[in-house]
């Protein structure tokens, strides 16, 4: 049955009632980083995964761990290292001498929210095991395939300042991340507040779950119901196609800077993530601002620049900013 805009708005108001409460609880533990919290929530609501680039000490682990507590979800942090094996991630078969049989020991990937810390430090075979979990929502151990939880989010981190001993993520795996976000240092006043709150030997904050996984899954169903107008669809496609055919989009100067444009996943993820962003704003329909807000996070890791662009010091963020400034907004 087709819902009217008024019915969708009512549904969103009911299903998004937990959002301000959740954000307020996170702020009891994490100072600032509203942008990071919003993007984690967009990924959770849009059933996607998140890649975060930022220097150490910016509360990445604290933020995701806090959210997992507030959602009453199972959280696992995996430290990726060069000697990590696929079995350390997904699990393995253990031989039982008494019975002569093998039993399955599941790995830390069997959780609701998985933090893959410094994901680019693990070798390709570990990335391959992670890729199956991210894309197919299942894990194969021996001859048996196990489905993962409905609520399943991989949040991976990369350190941009220390590249020694790292393995660059393959483009195919980068494309599986719905969002790639870059976080920076807190503002002066935010850091003053951090200093006052945690500048002591012992810090204790009691957090109680705000919602359960079933509430988040119901919110996802509401996200699917959010209205996306044909004009917004055209705007999304115009943005994505401009990365592939800049000359046809009236941006011929970008042709020498972009080697490969964004894949069709970019169009899909822009639409779904824009709906999730609208949900966080308590709206039952997508506006151009939702697309513009989320576009840098969806596109920055899907555009491959040329050597000429690298030589000129042009970044994908600058290219995305030019696209957003040039493509006509409905």
Protein backbone atom coordinates (compact mmCIF):
# COMPACT_ATOMS: atom_id res chain seq x y z
CA UNK A 1 0.00 0.00 0.00
CA UNK A 2 1.37 3.41 -1.04
CA UNK A 3 1.77 5.80 1.90
CA UNK A 4 1.09 9.53 1.67
CA UNK A 5 3.76 12.04 2.72
CA UNK A 6 1.73 12.78 5.89
CA UNK A 7 1.68 9.08 6.80
CA UNK A 8 5.43 8.77 6.17
CA UNK A 9 6.08 11.86 8.30
CA UNK A 10 4.04 10.35 11.15
CA UNK A 11 5.93 7.05 10.85
CA UNK A 12 9.30 8.83 10.95
CA UNK A 13 8.29 10.90 13.99
CA UNK A 14 7.38 7.70 15.85
CA UNK A 15 10.40 5.65 14.77
CA UNK A 16 12.98 8.44 15.21
CA UNK A 17 11.92 9.43 18.75
CA UNK A 18 15.03 7.70 20.15
CA UNK A 19 17.52 9.77 18.08
CA UNK A 20 17.83 12.91 20.30
CA UNK A 21 17.97 10.71 23.43
CA UNK A 22 20.73 8.58 21.89
CA UNK A 23 22.77 11.61 20.87
CA UNK A 24 22.38 13.17 24.34
CA UNK A 25 23.62 9.95 25.99
CA UNK A 26 26.64 9.76 23.64
CA UNK A 27 27.54 13.35 24.58
CA UNK A 28 27.85 12.26 28.22
CA UNK A 29 30.92 10.28 27.16
CA UNK A 30 32.18 11.84 23.92
CA UNK A 31 32.81 15.57 23.59
CA UNK A 32 32.26 16.91 20.07
CA UNK A 33 32.54 14.40 17.19
CA UNK A 34 28.88 14.96 16.30
CA UNK A 35 29.82 14.42 12.66
CA UNK A 36 31.31 10.99 13.47
CA UNK A 37 28.29 9.94 15.57
CA UNK A 38 25.87 11.03 12.81
CA UNK A 39 27.80 9.07 10.16
CA UNK A 40 27.90 5.92 12.30
CA UNK A 41 24.13 6.23 12.75
CA UNK A 42 23.65 6.76 8.99
CA UNK A 43 25.64 3.56 8.34
CA UNK A 44 23.60 1.63 10.93
CA UNK A 45 20.28 2.88 9.56
CA UNK A 46 21.29 2.35 5.92
CA UNK A 47 22.75 -1.14 6.56
CA UNK A 48 26.20 -0.10 5.33
CA UNK A 49 29.79 -0.08 6.58
CA UNK A 50 32.09 2.76 7.54
CA UNK A 51 35.79 3.53 6.96
CA UNK A 52 37.29 6.22 9.19
CA UNK A 53 40.58 8.00 8.62
CA UNK A 54 41.99 9.97 11.51
CA UNK A 55 45.02 10.27 13.74
CA UNK A 56 45.11 8.32 17.03
CA UNK A 57 43.36 9.72 20.09
CA UNK A 58 40.24 11.19 18.47
CA UNK A 59 37.79 8.94 20.40
CA UNK A 60 36.99 6.64 17.46
CA UNK A 61 36.95 3.49 19.60
CA UNK A 62 35.23 5.25 22.52
CA UNK A 63 32.46 6.56 20.25
CA UNK A 64 31.61 3.25 18.61
CA UNK A 65 31.86 1.37 21.92
CA UNK A 66 29.51 3.89 23.55
CA UNK A 67 26.98 3.54 20.74
CA UNK A 68 27.13 -0.25 21.01
CA UNK A 69 26.33 0.02 24.75
CA UNK A 70 23.42 2.38 24.12
CA UNK A 71 21.97 0.12 21.42
CA UNK A 72 22.49 -2.98 23.57
CA UNK A 73 24.50 -4.53 20.75
CA UNK A 74 27.42 -6.95 20.91
CA UNK A 75 30.66 -5.06 20.22
CA UNK A 76 34.03 -6.52 19.20
CA UNK A 77 37.28 -4.66 18.59
CA UNK A 78 39.84 -6.42 16.40
CA UNK A 79 43.37 -5.03 16.20
CA UNK A 80 44.59 -5.69 12.66
CA UNK A 81 48.28 -6.60 12.49
CA UNK A 82 50.56 -8.03 9.74
CA UNK A 83 50.49 -11.51 11.36
CA UNK A 84 46.67 -11.69 11.62
CA UNK A 85 45.14 -14.78 10.01
CA UNK A 86 41.63 -15.22 8.55
CA UNK A 87 40.90 -17.73 11.36
CA UNK A 88 41.63 -15.00 13.94
CA UNK A 89 38.82 -13.02 12.36
CA UNK A 90 36.11 -15.51 11.36
CA UNK A 91 36.92 -18.53 13.55
CA UNK A 92 38.18 -22.05 12.92
CA UNK A 93 37.53 -25.75 13.35
CA UNK A 94 38.88 -27.36 16.54
CA UNK A 95 39.60 -31.09 16.60
CA UNK A 96 38.19 -32.96 19.62
CA UNK A 97 40.34 -36.08 20.25
CA UNK A 98 37.72 -37.68 22.55
CA UNK A 99 34.99 -37.73 19.91
CA UNK A 100 37.21 -37.65 16.82
CA UNK A 101 35.11 -34.76 15.45
CA UNK A 102 35.68 -31.12 14.62
CA UNK A 103 33.75 -28.38 16.43
CA UNK A 104 33.37 -24.81 15.23
CA UNK A 105 34.80 -21.95 17.23
CA UNK A 106 33.36 -18.69 15.94
CA UNK A 107 35.58 -15.63 15.71
CA UNK A 108 35.03 -12.00 16.77
CA UNK A 109 33.33 -11.15 13.45
CA UNK A 110 30.16 -12.70 14.92
CA UNK A 111 29.02 -9.51 16.60
CA UNK A 112 26.65 -6.62 15.85
CA UNK A 113 29.26 -3.88 15.69
CA UNK A 114 32.84 -4.75 14.74
CA UNK A 115 35.67 -2.24 15.02
CA UNK A 116 38.48 -3.21 12.63
CA UNK A 117 41.28 -1.09 14.06
CA UNK A 118 44.03 -0.11 11.58
CA UNK A 119 42.47 -2.32 8.92
CA UNK A 120 45.24 -1.59 6.42
CA UNK A 121 47.84 -3.41 8.55
CA UNK A 122 46.50 -6.90 7.73
CA UNK A 123 47.47 -8.90 4.61
CA UNK A 124 45.23 -9.56 1.60
CA UNK A 125 43.94 -12.96 2.80
CA UNK A 126 42.45 -11.32 5.90
CA UNK A 127 40.86 -8.60 3.76
CA UNK A 128 39.35 -11.36 1.63
CA UNK A 129 37.70 -12.98 4.69
CA UNK A 130 36.44 -9.56 5.84
CA UNK A 131 35.07 -8.87 2.36
CA UNK A 132 32.79 -11.93 2.46
CA UNK A 133 31.40 -10.83 5.82
CA UNK A 134 30.84 -7.25 4.66
CA UNK A 135 29.31 -7.95 1.27
CA UNK A 136 27.47 -11.26 1.73
CA UNK A 137 26.70 -10.98 5.46
CA UNK A 138 27.98 -14.51 5.97
CA UNK A 139 31.14 -16.32 7.03
CA UNK A 140 32.51 -19.64 5.77
CA UNK A 141 34.39 -21.86 8.23
CA UNK A 142 35.52 -25.15 6.69
CA UNK A 143 32.62 -26.42 4.57
CA UNK A 144 29.91 -24.59 6.52
CA UNK A 145 28.54 -21.11 5.87
CA UNK A 146 27.14 -19.16 8.82
CA UNK A 147 24.85 -16.13 8.39
CA UNK A 148 25.73 -13.03 10.39
CA UNK A 149 23.33 -10.96 12.49
CA UNK A 150 20.78 -8.72 10.76
CA UNK A 151 22.27 -5.81 12.67
CA UNK A 152 25.89 -5.95 11.49
CA UNK A 153 28.25 -3.02 11.02
CA UNK A 154 31.97 -3.02 10.25
CA UNK A 155 33.66 0.21 11.28
CA UNK A 156 37.27 0.18 10.05
CA UNK A 157 39.93 2.74 10.91
CA UNK A 158 43.07 3.88 9.11
CA UNK A 159 45.91 6.02 10.40
CA UNK A 160 46.83 8.62 7.75
CA UNK A 161 50.22 9.55 9.26
CA UNK A 162 51.97 6.19 9.69
CA UNK A 163 52.06 4.07 6.52
CA UNK A 164 55.05 1.85 7.35
CA UNK A 165 54.04 -1.83 7.38
CA UNK A 166 50.61 -1.24 5.86
CA UNK A 167 48.82 -2.91 2.96
CA UNK A 168 46.71 -0.47 0.90
CA UNK A 169 43.09 -1.63 0.75
CA UNK A 170 42.07 -2.93 -2.70
CA UNK A 171 39.67 -0.69 -4.63
CA UNK A 172 37.09 -3.52 -4.61
CA UNK A 173 37.08 -3.55 -0.82
CA UNK A 174 37.07 0.24 -0.54
CA UNK A 175 33.94 0.24 -2.71
CA UNK A 176 32.16 -2.01 -0.18
CA UNK A 177 32.33 0.72 2.47
CA UNK A 178 29.23 2.86 2.19
CA UNK A 179 31.00 5.86 3.76
CA UNK A 180 34.58 6.97 4.19
CA UNK A 181 34.95 9.84 6.62
CA UNK A 182 37.92 11.90 7.66
CA UNK A 183 37.87 13.25 11.21
CA UNK A 184 40.07 15.98 12.62
CA UNK A 185 41.13 17.39 15.97
CA UNK A 186 38.49 18.86 18.30
CA UNK A 187 38.00 22.62 18.56
CA UNK A 188 39.72 24.57 21.36
CA UNK A 189 36.66 24.75 23.64
CA UNK A 190 35.82 21.09 22.98
CA UNK A 191 39.31 20.06 24.04
CA UNK A 192 39.01 22.19 27.18
CA UNK A 193 35.83 20.25 28.02
CA UNK A 194 37.63 16.95 27.31
CA UNK A 195 40.43 18.00 29.66
CA UNK A 196 37.97 18.83 32.45
CA UNK A 197 36.01 15.60 32.04
CA UNK A 198 38.75 13.02 31.64
CA UNK A 199 41.87 14.70 32.99
CA UNK A 200 41.95 12.39 35.99
CA UNK A 201 43.14 8.88 36.85
CA UNK A 202 39.66 7.38 36.97
CA UNK A 203 36.62 8.25 34.86
CA UNK A 204 33.37 6.38 35.28
CA UNK A 205 30.15 6.97 33.33
CA UNK A 206 27.16 4.69 33.81
CA UNK A 207 25.33 4.15 30.55
CA UNK A 208 22.03 2.35 30.21
CA UNK A 209 20.81 0.98 26.86
CA UNK A 210 18.42 3.39 25.11
CA UNK A 211 17.19 1.01 22.42
CA UNK A 212 17.53 -2.62 21.40
CA UNK A 213 18.56 -4.00 17.98
CA UNK A 214 14.89 -4.57 17.11
CA UNK A 215 14.21 -0.80 17.41
CA UNK A 216 17.04 -0.08 15.00
CA UNK A 217 15.77 -2.70 12.54
CA UNK A 218 12.29 -1.10 12.72
CA UNK A 219 13.96 2.27 12.04
CA UNK A 220 15.56 0.78 8.92
CA UNK A 221 12.13 -0.19 7.63
CA UNK A 222 11.04 3.43 8.17
CA UNK A 223 14.12 4.66 6.28
CA UNK A 224 13.03 2.54 3.29
CA UNK A 225 9.63 4.29 3.38
CA UNK A 226 11.11 7.81 3.16
CA UNK A 227 10.05 9.60 -0.01
CA UNK A 228 12.71 10.22 -2.69
CA UNK A 229 11.44 12.49 -5.44
CA UNK A 230 12.37 11.95 -9.10
CA UNK A 231 14.17 15.31 -9.09
CA UNK A 232 16.38 14.12 -6.21
CA UNK A 233 17.04 10.85 -8.08
CA UNK A 234 18.14 12.87 -11.12
CA UNK A 235 20.39 15.03 -8.91
CA UNK A 236 22.07 11.91 -7.48
CA UNK A 237 22.62 10.44 -10.96
CA UNK A 238 23.92 13.78 -12.29
CA UNK A 239 26.52 13.87 -9.50
CA UNK A 240 27.68 10.29 -10.08
CA UNK A 241 27.75 10.54 -13.88
CA UNK A 242 29.74 13.78 -13.64
CA UNK A 243 32.57 11.74 -12.07
CA UNK A 244 32.57 9.41 -15.10
CA UNK A 245 31.81 11.82 -17.96
CA UNK A 246 32.78 15.29 -16.71
CA UNK A 247 32.79 16.81 -20.22
CA UNK A 248 29.15 15.82 -20.83
CA UNK A 249 28.26 17.36 -17.47
CA UNK A 250 29.77 20.71 -18.42
CA UNK A 251 33.00 20.14 -16.47
CA UNK A 252 35.62 19.32 -19.16
CA UNK A 253 38.47 20.56 -16.95
CA UNK A 254 37.92 17.59 -14.59
CA UNK A 255 38.56 15.08 -17.38
CA UNK A 256 42.34 15.24 -16.90
CA UNK A 257 41.99 14.89 -13.12
CA UNK A 258 39.68 11.86 -12.82
CA UNK A 259 40.96 8.48 -14.00
CA UNK A 260 37.96 6.41 -12.88
CA UNK A 261 34.61 7.71 -11.69
CA UNK A 262 32.27 6.36 -9.03
CA UNK A 263 30.62 2.95 -9.47
CA UNK A 264 26.85 2.29 -9.47
CA UNK A 265 27.17 1.57 -5.75
CA UNK A 266 27.72 5.30 -5.33
CA UNK A 267 24.23 6.03 -6.73
CA UNK A 268 22.65 3.35 -4.53
CA UNK A 269 24.48 4.43 -1.39
CA UNK A 270 23.83 8.13 -2.01
CA UNK A 271 20.09 7.45 -2.17
CA UNK A 272 19.98 5.17 0.89
CA UNK A 273 22.36 7.28 2.99
CA UNK A 274 20.43 10.47 2.12
CA UNK A 275 17.25 8.78 3.34
CA UNK A 276 19.00 7.75 6.58
CA UNK A 277 20.27 11.31 7.03
CA UNK A 278 16.73 12.64 6.52
CA UNK A 279 15.53 10.15 9.17
CA UNK A 280 18.02 11.61 11.66
CA UNK A 281 16.55 15.04 10.94
CA UNK A 282 13.05 13.64 11.62
CA UNK A 283 11.87 14.14 8.02
CA UNK A 284 9.86 11.78 5.84
CA UNK A 285 11.33 13.00 2.57
CA UNK A 286 14.78 13.72 1.12
CA UNK A 287 15.85 17.27 0.26
CA UNK A 288 18.93 18.29 -1.79
CA UNK A 289 20.77 19.30 1.42
CA UNK A 290 20.65 15.66 2.59
CA UNK A 291 22.40 14.54 -0.60
CA UNK A 292 24.96 17.37 -0.44
CA UNK A 293 25.73 16.60 3.23
CA UNK A 294 26.39 12.92 2.66
CA UNK A 295 27.92 13.07 -0.87
CA UNK A 296 31.57 13.72 0.20
CA UNK A 297 31.52 10.64 2.46
CA UNK A 298 30.03 8.43 -0.27
CA UNK A 299 32.20 9.69 -3.15
CA UNK A 300 35.66 10.46 -1.69
CA UNK A 301 36.88 6.83 -1.87
CA UNK A 302 35.15 6.00 -5.16
CA UNK A 303 36.92 8.53 -7.37
CA UNK A 304 40.39 7.55 -8.56
CA UNK A 305 42.43 10.58 -9.56
CA UNK A 306 45.10 10.73 -12.27
CA UNK A 307 48.84 11.17 -11.75
CA UNK A 308 48.40 14.69 -13.11
CA UNK A 309 45.94 15.48 -10.33
CA UNK A 310 48.33 14.07 -7.73
CA UNK A 311 51.16 16.17 -9.19
CA UNK A 312 48.95 19.27 -8.95
CA UNK A 313 48.05 18.41 -5.33
CA UNK A 314 44.36 17.97 -6.17
CA UNK A 315 42.43 15.74 -3.74
CA UNK A 316 39.20 13.82 -4.22
CA UNK A 317 37.57 16.06 -1.59
CA UNK A 318 38.36 19.12 -3.73
CA UNK A 319 36.91 17.38 -6.80
CA UNK A 320 33.71 16.45 -4.94
CA UNK A 321 33.39 20.05 -3.70
CA UNK A 322 33.67 21.29 -7.30
CA UNK A 323 31.03 18.81 -8.45
CA UNK A 324 28.63 19.87 -5.68
CA UNK A 325 29.20 23.55 -6.54
CA UNK A 326 28.69 22.99 -10.28
CA UNK A 327 25.85 20.45 -10.65
CA UNK A 328 22.46 22.13 -10.72
CA UNK A 329 20.47 21.60 -7.52
CA UNK A 330 16.74 20.81 -7.99
